[in-house]
Amino acid sequence: MKSFRLGPRTRKGVLVVHIAFAGAWIGLDVAMAVVVFTALFTDDAGTRALCYQALHLFVVWPLFTAGAVSLVSGVLLGMGSKYGLVRYWWVAVKLGLNIVLTGLVPLALAPGVSELNETGRDLAAGHALTTSIGNMIYPPIVSPVALLVALVLAVFKPWGRIRRSGLA
């Protein structure tokens, strides 16, 4: 595959998009943490129902969109710069983190959020609690930590180049 280079203005534009969507991703994770921990620690069924339903509104597709745009812009930056996608360890690790985190949104997060939304509707209607938010504490902890690792990697660029043994 022939490599290409992004021009300086294009690179800066793509970099702004990349940083903005990564920041939005972290912000959505923080908002999710506030809602999840509010639901976890409240004794009020109405507040819990509202939290469960709020997750359905802003978690899955906004998080997936932020991750996907961050992924695409990161791939463009990697392919269009001297760093490449798999030339340097820090870029490869960031790429892996982004793929895993973005993939987990529809595969692992969406079903749990959908189930909580139904529970929230039941709670709002006065029915008994059928699901706990307990498993939902992990996404707003794991994702921001992984994203902060990616941020540190982008700033410090550790580990150097990936060696290609036996390749010409």
N, C-alpha and C. Protein backbone atom coordinates (compact mmCIF):
# COMPACT_ATOMS: atom_id res chain seq x y z
N MET A 1 0.84 -1.18 0.00
CA MET A 1 0.00 0.00 0.00
C MET A 1 0.88 1.24 0.00
N LYS A 2 0.60 2.14 -0.89
CA LYS A 2 1.38 3.36 -1.00
C LYS A 2 1.02 4.31 0.14
N SER A 3 2.06 4.85 0.77
CA SER A 3 1.79 5.77 1.87
C SER A 3 1.50 7.16 1.34
N PHE A 4 0.83 7.93 2.13
CA PHE A 4 0.56 9.32 1.77
C PHE A 4 0.86 10.19 2.98
N ARG A 5 1.02 11.44 2.76
CA ARG A 5 1.26 12.39 3.84
C ARG A 5 0.15 13.42 3.83
N LEU A 6 -0.34 13.71 5.01
CA LEU A 6 -1.31 14.79 5.15
C LEU A 6 -0.56 16.11 5.09
N GLY A 7 -1.12 17.08 4.41
CA GLY A 7 -0.53 18.41 4.42
C GLY A 7 -0.67 19.01 5.81
N PRO A 8 0.11 20.03 6.11
CA PRO A 8 0.09 20.60 7.47
C PRO A 8 -1.30 21.08 7.91
N ARG A 9 -2.01 21.76 7.04
CA ARG A 9 -3.35 22.26 7.42
C ARG A 9 -4.33 21.11 7.60
N THR A 10 -4.28 20.13 6.71
CA THR A 10 -5.17 18.97 6.81
C THR A 10 -4.86 18.19 8.07
N ARG A 11 -3.57 17.97 8.33
CA ARG A 11 -3.16 17.24 9.53
C ARG A 11 -3.67 17.93 10.78
N LYS A 12 -3.53 19.25 10.84
CA LYS A 12 -4.02 19.99 12.02
C LYS A 12 -5.53 19.89 12.15
N GLY A 13 -6.24 19.93 11.04
CA GLY A 13 -7.70 19.78 11.08
C GLY A 13 -8.11 18.42 11.60
N VAL A 14 -7.46 17.37 11.09
CA VAL A 14 -7.76 16.01 11.54
C VAL A 14 -7.37 15.85 13.00
N LEU A 15 -6.26 16.45 13.40
CA LEU A 15 -5.82 16.38 14.80
C LEU A 15 -6.82 17.07 15.72
N VAL A 16 -7.38 18.19 15.30
CA VAL A 16 -8.40 18.87 16.10
C VAL A 16 -9.63 17.97 16.26
N VAL A 17 -10.06 17.34 15.18
CA VAL A 17 -11.20 16.42 15.25
C VAL A 17 -10.88 15.28 16.20
N HIS A 18 -9.69 14.72 16.08
CA HIS A 18 -9.27 13.60 16.93
C HIS A 18 -9.30 13.98 18.41
N ILE A 19 -8.71 15.11 18.73
CA ILE A 19 -8.66 15.56 20.12
C ILE A 19 -10.05 15.91 20.64
N ALA A 20 -10.85 16.57 19.80
CA ALA A 20 -12.20 16.98 20.23
C ALA A 20 -13.07 15.75 20.54
N PHE A 21 -13.03 14.74 19.67
CA PHE A 21 -13.86 13.58 19.91
C PHE A 21 -13.33 12.71 21.03
N ALA A 22 -12.02 12.66 21.22
CA ALA A 22 -11.47 11.95 22.37
C ALA A 22 -11.89 12.65 23.66
N GLY A 23 -11.89 13.99 23.65
CA GLY A 23 -12.35 14.75 24.82
C GLY A 23 -13.83 14.54 25.08
N ALA A 24 -14.63 14.50 24.01
CA ALA A 24 -16.06 14.22 24.17
C ALA A 24 -16.29 12.83 24.75
N TRP A 25 -15.48 11.89 24.32
CA TRP A 25 -15.56 10.51 24.81
C TRP A 25 -15.30 10.47 26.31
N ILE A 26 -14.26 11.14 26.74
CA ILE A 26 -13.96 11.20 28.18
C ILE A 26 -15.10 11.90 28.92
N GLY A 27 -15.62 12.97 28.36
CA GLY A 27 -16.73 13.69 28.99
C GLY A 27 -17.98 12.83 29.12
N LEU A 28 -18.28 12.07 28.09
CA LEU A 28 -19.43 11.15 28.16
C LEU A 28 -19.21 10.08 29.23
N ASP A 29 -17.97 9.61 29.35
CA ASP A 29 -17.67 8.63 30.40
C ASP A 29 -17.86 9.23 31.79
N VAL A 30 -17.46 10.48 31.96
CA VAL A 30 -17.63 11.15 33.26
C VAL A 30 -19.12 11.33 33.55
N ALA A 31 -19.88 11.77 32.55
CA ALA A 31 -21.33 11.93 32.74
C ALA A 31 -21.97 10.59 33.07
N MET A 32 -21.53 9.52 32.39
CA MET A 32 -22.06 8.19 32.69
C MET A 32 -21.73 7.81 34.13
N ALA A 33 -20.53 8.12 34.59
CA ALA A 33 -20.15 7.80 35.97
C ALA A 33 -21.05 8.53 36.96
N VAL A 34 -21.34 9.79 36.70
CA VAL A 34 -22.22 10.56 37.60
C VAL A 34 -23.59 9.90 37.68
N VAL A 35 -24.14 9.53 36.55
CA VAL A 35 -25.47 8.92 36.52
C VAL A 35 -25.46 7.54 37.18
N VAL A 36 -24.46 6.73 36.85
CA VAL A 36 -24.38 5.37 37.42
C VAL A 36 -24.23 5.42 38.93
N PHE A 37 -23.32 6.26 39.42
CA PHE A 37 -23.09 6.31 40.86
C PHE A 37 -24.24 7.00 41.60
N THR A 38 -24.94 7.91 40.94
CA THR A 38 -26.14 8.49 41.54
C THR A 38 -27.19 7.39 41.72
N ALA A 39 -27.40 6.57 40.67
CA ALA A 39 -28.37 5.47 40.77
C ALA A 39 -27.95 4.45 41.82
N LEU A 40 -26.65 4.21 41.93
CA LEU A 40 -26.15 3.22 42.87
C LEU A 40 -26.37 3.64 44.32
N PHE A 41 -26.21 4.93 44.59
CA PHE A 41 -26.23 5.38 45.98
C PHE A 41 -27.53 6.04 46.43
N THR A 42 -28.49 6.18 45.53
CA THR A 42 -29.75 6.80 45.95
C THR A 42 -30.71 5.76 46.52
N ASP A 43 -31.56 6.21 47.44
CA ASP A 43 -32.61 5.36 47.98
C ASP A 43 -33.95 5.67 47.33
N ASP A 44 -33.99 6.72 46.53
CA ASP A 44 -35.23 7.17 45.91
C ASP A 44 -35.47 6.41 44.60
N ALA A 45 -36.58 5.70 44.52
CA ALA A 45 -36.90 4.90 43.33
C ALA A 45 -37.08 5.78 42.09
N GLY A 46 -37.63 6.97 42.26
CA GLY A 46 -37.84 7.88 41.13
C GLY A 46 -36.51 8.35 40.54
N THR A 47 -35.56 8.69 41.42
CA THR A 47 -34.24 9.10 40.95
C THR A 47 -33.54 7.94 40.26
N ARG A 48 -33.65 6.77 40.84
CA ARG A 48 -33.02 5.59 40.23
C ARG A 48 -33.63 5.32 38.85
N ALA A 49 -34.96 5.41 38.75
CA ALA A 49 -35.63 5.19 37.46
C ALA A 49 -35.16 6.20 36.42
N LEU A 50 -35.05 7.45 36.83
CA LEU A 50 -34.59 8.51 35.94
C LEU A 50 -33.15 8.25 35.47
N CYS A 51 -32.29 7.82 36.38
CA CYS A 51 -30.91 7.51 36.03
C CYS A 51 -30.83 6.36 35.04
N TYR A 52 -31.59 5.32 35.29
CA TYR A 52 -31.59 4.17 34.39
C TYR A 52 -32.02 4.56 32.98
N GLN A 53 -33.04 5.41 32.91
CA GLN A 53 -33.53 5.83 31.60
C GLN A 53 -32.60 6.84 30.94
N ALA A 54 -31.95 7.67 31.74
CA ALA A 54 -31.01 8.66 31.18
C ALA A 54 -29.83 7.99 30.50
N LEU A 55 -29.36 6.89 31.05
CA LEU A 55 -28.25 6.17 30.43
C LEU A 55 -28.60 5.76 29.01
N HIS A 56 -29.82 5.34 28.81
CA HIS A 56 -30.27 4.91 27.48
C HIS A 56 -30.20 6.07 26.48
N LEU A 57 -30.43 7.28 26.95
CA LEU A 57 -30.48 8.44 26.06
C LEU A 57 -29.11 8.89 25.58
N PHE A 58 -28.10 8.84 26.43
CA PHE A 58 -26.84 9.48 26.04
C PHE A 58 -25.61 8.60 26.05
N VAL A 59 -25.76 7.33 26.40
CA VAL A 59 -24.55 6.53 26.54
C VAL A 59 -24.16 5.81 25.25
N VAL A 60 -24.98 4.97 24.72
CA VAL A 60 -24.54 4.02 23.69
C VAL A 60 -24.12 4.71 22.39
N TRP A 61 -25.02 5.37 21.71
CA TRP A 61 -24.67 5.91 20.39
C TRP A 61 -23.74 7.10 20.46
N PRO A 62 -23.91 8.01 21.41
CA PRO A 62 -22.89 9.08 21.50
C PRO A 62 -21.48 8.54 21.81
N LEU A 63 -21.39 7.55 22.71
CA LEU A 63 -20.08 6.95 23.01
C LEU A 63 -19.52 6.24 21.78
N PHE A 64 -20.36 5.48 21.10
CA PHE A 64 -19.90 4.78 19.91
C PHE A 64 -19.44 5.77 18.84
N THR A 65 -20.20 6.83 18.65
CA THR A 65 -19.83 7.85 17.65
C THR A 65 -18.51 8.51 18.00
N ALA A 66 -18.35 8.89 19.27
CA ALA A 66 -17.08 9.51 19.69
C ALA A 66 -15.92 8.56 19.48
N GLY A 67 -16.10 7.29 19.83
CA GLY A 67 -15.05 6.31 19.63
C GLY A 67 -14.74 6.08 18.16
N ALA A 68 -15.77 5.98 17.34
CA ALA A 68 -15.58 5.71 15.91
C ALA A 68 -14.89 6.89 15.22
N VAL A 69 -15.32 8.10 15.52
CA VAL A 69 -14.69 9.28 14.90
C VAL A 69 -13.24 9.40 15.38
N SER A 70 -13.01 9.13 16.66
CA SER A 70 -11.65 9.13 17.18
C SER A 70 -10.80 8.06 16.48
N LEU A 71 -11.38 6.90 16.25
CA LEU A 71 -10.67 5.82 15.57
C LEU A 71 -10.32 6.20 14.13
N VAL A 72 -11.30 6.69 13.39
CA VAL A 72 -11.07 7.05 11.98
C VAL A 72 -10.05 8.19 11.88
N SER A 73 -10.20 9.21 12.72
CA SER A 73 -9.25 10.33 12.67
C SER A 73 -7.86 9.88 13.10
N GLY A 74 -7.78 8.97 14.07
CA GLY A 74 -6.49 8.44 14.49
C GLY A 74 -5.82 7.62 13.40
N VAL A 75 -6.60 6.83 12.69
CA VAL A 75 -6.06 6.06 11.57
C VAL A 75 -5.55 7.00 10.48
N LEU A 76 -6.32 8.03 10.17
CA LEU A 76 -5.86 9.02 9.18
C LEU A 76 -4.57 9.69 9.62
N LEU A 77 -4.50 10.07 10.89
CA LEU A 77 -3.28 10.69 11.40
C LEU A 77 -2.10 9.73 11.32
N GLY A 78 -2.34 8.47 11.69
CA GLY A 78 -1.26 7.49 11.64
C GLY A 78 -0.79 7.23 10.22
N MET A 79 -1.73 7.04 9.31
CA MET A 79 -1.37 6.74 7.93
C MET A 79 -0.75 7.94 7.22
N GLY A 80 -1.16 9.12 7.63
CA GLY A 80 -0.69 10.32 6.94
C GLY A 80 0.46 11.03 7.62
N SER A 81 1.13 10.35 8.54
CA SER A 81 2.26 10.98 9.23
C SER A 81 3.42 10.00 9.32
N LYS A 82 4.51 10.47 9.85
CA LYS A 82 5.71 9.63 9.99
C LYS A 82 5.51 8.50 11.00
N TYR A 83 4.51 8.60 11.84
CA TYR A 83 4.32 7.59 12.88
C TYR A 83 3.71 6.30 12.37
N GLY A 84 2.92 6.34 11.34
CA GLY A 84 2.29 5.14 10.82
C GLY A 84 1.31 4.54 11.82
N LEU A 85 0.73 3.40 11.44
CA LEU A 85 -0.23 2.74 12.33
C LEU A 85 0.45 1.71 13.22
N VAL A 86 1.46 1.03 12.69
CA VAL A 86 2.13 0.01 13.48
C VAL A 86 3.66 0.12 13.39
N ARG A 87 4.15 1.32 13.26
CA ARG A 87 5.59 1.54 13.28
C ARG A 87 6.11 1.76 14.70
N TYR A 88 5.28 2.36 15.53
CA TYR A 88 5.68 2.69 16.89
C TYR A 88 4.73 2.01 17.87
N TRP A 89 5.30 1.55 18.97
CA TRP A 89 4.51 0.84 19.98
C TRP A 89 3.38 1.71 20.52
N TRP A 90 3.65 2.96 20.80
CA TRP A 90 2.64 3.81 21.42
C TRP A 90 1.43 3.99 20.49
N VAL A 91 1.67 4.07 19.18
CA VAL A 91 0.56 4.21 18.24
C VAL A 91 -0.24 2.91 18.16
N ALA A 92 0.48 1.78 18.11
CA ALA A 92 -0.20 0.48 18.04
C ALA A 92 -1.05 0.23 19.29
N VAL A 93 -0.54 0.60 20.46
CA VAL A 93 -1.30 0.41 21.70
C VAL A 93 -2.53 1.31 21.70
N LYS A 94 -2.36 2.57 21.29
CA LYS A 94 -3.52 3.47 21.20
C LYS A 94 -4.57 2.94 20.24
N LEU A 95 -4.12 2.43 19.10
CA LEU A 95 -5.04 1.86 18.12
C LEU A 95 -5.79 0.68 18.71
N GLY A 96 -5.07 -0.21 19.39
CA GLY A 96 -5.71 -1.35 20.03
C GLY A 96 -6.72 -0.95 21.09
N LEU A 97 -6.35 0.01 21.93
CA LEU A 97 -7.28 0.50 22.96
C LEU A 97 -8.55 1.05 22.32
N ASN A 98 -8.38 1.85 21.27
CA ASN A 98 -9.54 2.46 20.62
C ASN A 98 -10.44 1.41 20.01
N ILE A 99 -9.87 0.43 19.34
CA ILE A 99 -10.68 -0.63 18.72
C ILE A 99 -11.44 -1.41 19.79
N VAL A 100 -10.76 -1.78 20.86
CA VAL A 100 -11.41 -2.55 21.93
C VAL A 100 -12.52 -1.74 22.59
N LEU A 101 -12.20 -0.51 23.00
CA LEU A 101 -13.21 0.29 23.70
C LEU A 101 -14.41 0.61 22.81
N THR A 102 -14.16 0.95 21.56
CA THR A 102 -15.26 1.26 20.65
C THR A 102 -16.10 0.01 20.38
N GLY A 103 -15.45 -1.12 20.23
CA GLY A 103 -16.18 -2.37 19.99
C GLY A 103 -17.01 -2.82 21.18
N LEU A 104 -16.53 -2.52 22.38
CA LEU A 104 -17.27 -2.92 23.58
C LEU A 104 -18.59 -2.16 23.75
N VAL A 105 -18.68 -0.97 23.18
CA VAL A 105 -19.91 -0.18 23.35
C VAL A 105 -21.13 -0.93 22.81
N PRO A 106 -21.17 -1.31 21.53
CA PRO A 106 -22.37 -2.02 21.06
C PRO A 106 -22.44 -3.47 21.54
N LEU A 107 -21.29 -4.09 21.77
CA LEU A 107 -21.30 -5.51 22.13
C LEU A 107 -21.60 -5.76 23.60
N ALA A 108 -21.02 -4.96 24.49
CA ALA A 108 -21.16 -5.23 25.93
C ALA A 108 -21.99 -4.17 26.66
N LEU A 109 -21.85 -2.92 26.29
CA LEU A 109 -22.53 -1.85 27.02
C LEU A 109 -24.00 -1.72 26.62
N ALA A 110 -24.27 -1.78 25.33
CA ALA A 110 -25.64 -1.55 24.84
C ALA A 110 -26.67 -2.50 25.45
N PRO A 111 -26.39 -3.82 25.53
CA PRO A 111 -27.40 -4.69 26.13
C PRO A 111 -27.70 -4.36 27.59
N GLY A 112 -26.69 -4.03 28.37
CA GLY A 112 -26.90 -3.67 29.77
C GLY A 112 -27.69 -2.38 29.92
N VAL A 113 -27.38 -1.40 29.08
CA VAL A 113 -28.10 -0.12 29.12
C VAL A 113 -29.55 -0.32 28.70
N SER A 114 -29.78 -1.16 27.71
CA SER A 114 -31.14 -1.44 27.26
C SER A 114 -31.96 -2.11 28.37
N GLU A 115 -31.34 -3.05 29.06
CA GLU A 115 -32.00 -3.73 30.17
C GLU A 115 -32.32 -2.74 31.30
N LEU A 116 -31.38 -1.86 31.60
CA LEU A 116 -31.63 -0.85 32.64
C LEU A 116 -32.73 0.12 32.24
N ASN A 117 -32.82 0.44 30.96
CA ASN A 117 -33.88 1.32 30.50
C ASN A 117 -35.25 0.69 30.77
N GLU A 118 -35.38 -0.59 30.49
CA GLU A 118 -36.64 -1.30 30.78
C GLU A 118 -36.92 -1.30 32.29
N THR A 119 -35.90 -1.53 33.08
CA THR A 119 -36.06 -1.51 34.54
C THR A 119 -36.47 -0.12 35.00
N GLY A 120 -35.89 0.91 34.39
CA GLY A 120 -36.27 2.29 34.73
C GLY A 120 -37.72 2.56 34.44
N ARG A 121 -38.21 2.06 33.32
CA ARG A 121 -39.64 2.22 32.98
C ARG A 121 -40.51 1.51 34.01
N ASP A 122 -40.09 0.30 34.39
CA ASP A 122 -40.84 -0.45 35.40
C ASP A 122 -40.85 0.28 36.74
N LEU A 123 -39.70 0.80 37.15
CA LEU A 123 -39.62 1.55 38.41
C LEU A 123 -40.50 2.79 38.37
N ALA A 124 -40.47 3.50 37.25
CA ALA A 124 -41.30 4.71 37.11
C ALA A 124 -42.78 4.37 37.18
N ALA A 125 -43.14 3.17 36.74
CA ALA A 125 -44.54 2.73 36.79
C ALA A 125 -44.92 2.15 38.15
N GLY A 126 -43.96 2.09 39.07
CA GLY A 126 -44.24 1.61 40.41
C GLY A 126 -43.99 0.13 40.64
N HIS A 127 -43.39 -0.53 39.66
CA HIS A 127 -43.09 -1.96 39.81
C HIS A 127 -41.81 -2.15 40.62
N ALA A 128 -41.58 -3.38 41.02
CA ALA A 128 -40.40 -3.71 41.82
C ALA A 128 -39.13 -3.68 40.96
N LEU A 129 -38.01 -3.47 41.62
CA LEU A 129 -36.70 -3.44 40.96
C LEU A 129 -36.36 -4.84 40.47
N THR A 130 -36.04 -4.96 39.17
CA THR A 130 -35.70 -6.27 38.61
C THR A 130 -34.23 -6.40 38.24
N THR A 131 -33.53 -5.29 38.14
CA THR A 131 -32.12 -5.30 37.73
C THR A 131 -31.35 -4.32 38.58
N SER A 132 -30.13 -4.66 38.87
CA SER A 132 -29.24 -3.77 39.62
C SER A 132 -28.29 -3.08 38.65
N ILE A 133 -27.85 -1.90 39.02
CA ILE A 133 -26.90 -1.16 38.20
C ILE A 133 -25.47 -1.59 38.50
N GLY A 134 -25.29 -2.56 39.40
CA GLY A 134 -23.97 -2.98 39.87
C GLY A 134 -22.93 -3.22 38.79
N ASN A 135 -23.27 -3.93 37.72
CA ASN A 135 -22.29 -4.21 36.67
C ASN A 135 -21.95 -2.99 35.83
N MET A 136 -22.77 -1.96 35.91
CA MET A 136 -22.53 -0.76 35.12
C MET A 136 -21.45 0.15 35.74
N ILE A 137 -20.94 -0.21 36.91
CA ILE A 137 -19.89 0.64 37.49
C ILE A 137 -18.56 0.48 36.76
N TYR A 138 -18.38 -0.62 36.06
CA TYR A 138 -17.09 -0.86 35.40
C TYR A 138 -16.84 0.01 34.17
N PRO A 139 -17.80 0.19 33.26
CA PRO A 139 -17.51 1.01 32.08
C PRO A 139 -17.04 2.45 32.39
N PRO A 140 -17.70 3.16 33.33
CA PRO A 140 -17.22 4.53 33.57
C PRO A 140 -15.93 4.60 34.40
N ILE A 141 -15.41 3.46 34.80
CA ILE A 141 -14.10 3.43 35.46
C ILE A 141 -13.04 2.98 34.46
N VAL A 142 -13.30 1.88 33.76
CA VAL A 142 -12.31 1.30 32.85
C VAL A 142 -12.06 2.21 31.64
N SER A 143 -13.11 2.70 31.02
CA SER A 143 -12.94 3.49 29.81
C SER A 143 -12.14 4.77 30.04
N PRO A 144 -12.46 5.60 31.04
CA PRO A 144 -11.64 6.80 31.23
C PRO A 144 -10.18 6.48 31.58
N VAL A 145 -9.95 5.41 32.33
CA VAL A 145 -8.57 5.04 32.64
C VAL A 145 -7.83 4.67 31.36
N ALA A 146 -8.47 3.87 30.50
CA ALA A 146 -7.84 3.50 29.23
C ALA A 146 -7.62 4.72 28.34
N LEU A 147 -8.57 5.64 28.33
CA LEU A 147 -8.42 6.85 27.53
C LEU A 147 -7.32 7.75 28.08
N LEU A 148 -7.17 7.80 29.38
CA LEU A 148 -6.07 8.57 29.96
C LEU A 148 -4.72 7.92 29.65
N VAL A 149 -4.68 6.60 29.61
CA VAL A 149 -3.45 5.90 29.18
C VAL A 149 -3.13 6.30 27.75
N ALA A 150 -4.14 6.31 26.87
CA ALA A 150 -3.93 6.72 25.48
C ALA A 150 -3.43 8.16 25.40
N LEU A 151 -3.96 9.03 26.24
CA LEU A 151 -3.51 10.42 26.27
C LEU A 151 -2.04 10.52 26.67
N VAL A 152 -1.67 9.79 27.71
CA VAL A 152 -0.27 9.79 28.17
C VAL A 152 0.64 9.25 27.06
N LEU A 153 0.21 8.20 26.38
CA LEU A 153 1.00 7.66 25.28
C LEU A 153 1.19 8.69 24.17
N ALA A 154 0.14 9.42 23.85
CA ALA A 154 0.22 10.42 22.79
C ALA A 154 1.17 11.56 23.15
N VAL A 155 1.21 11.90 24.42
CA VAL A 155 2.08 13.01 24.85
C VAL A 155 3.53 12.57 24.98
N PHE A 156 3.78 11.42 25.61
CA PHE A 156 5.16 11.00 25.90
C PHE A 156 5.78 10.10 24.84
N LYS A 157 4.95 9.46 24.01
CA LYS A 157 5.43 8.61 22.92
C LYS A 157 6.54 7.65 23.35
N PRO A 158 6.25 6.75 24.29
CA PRO A 158 7.30 5.86 24.81
C PRO A 158 7.56 4.65 23.90
N TRP A 159 8.58 3.90 24.23
CA TRP A 159 8.87 2.56 23.73
C TRP A 159 9.54 2.50 22.36
N GLY A 160 9.52 3.53 21.57
CA GLY A 160 10.23 3.48 20.29
C GLY A 160 9.52 2.70 19.21
N ARG A 161 10.29 2.35 18.19
CA ARG A 161 9.76 1.67 17.00
C ARG A 161 9.54 0.18 17.26
N ILE A 162 8.60 -0.36 16.51
CA ILE A 162 8.36 -1.79 16.52
C ILE A 162 9.36 -2.42 15.56
N ARG A 163 10.08 -3.40 16.01
CA ARG A 163 11.07 -4.07 15.16
C ARG A 163 10.38 -5.05 14.24
N ARG A 164 10.82 -5.09 13.03
CA ARG A 164 10.28 -6.03 12.05
C ARG A 164 11.38 -7.01 11.68
N SER A 165 11.45 -8.06 12.41
CA SER A 165 12.49 -9.06 12.14
C SER A 165 12.13 -9.89 10.91
N GLY A 166 13.10 -10.09 10.05
CA GLY A 166 12.92 -10.92 8.88
C GLY A 166 12.18 -10.26 7.74
N LEU A 167 11.79 -9.00 7.89
CA LEU A 167 11.09 -8.31 6.83
C LEU A 167 12.05 -7.36 6.12
N ALA A 168 11.95 -7.29 4.83
CA ALA A 168 12.83 -6.40 4.07
C ALA A 168 12.21 -5.04 3.93
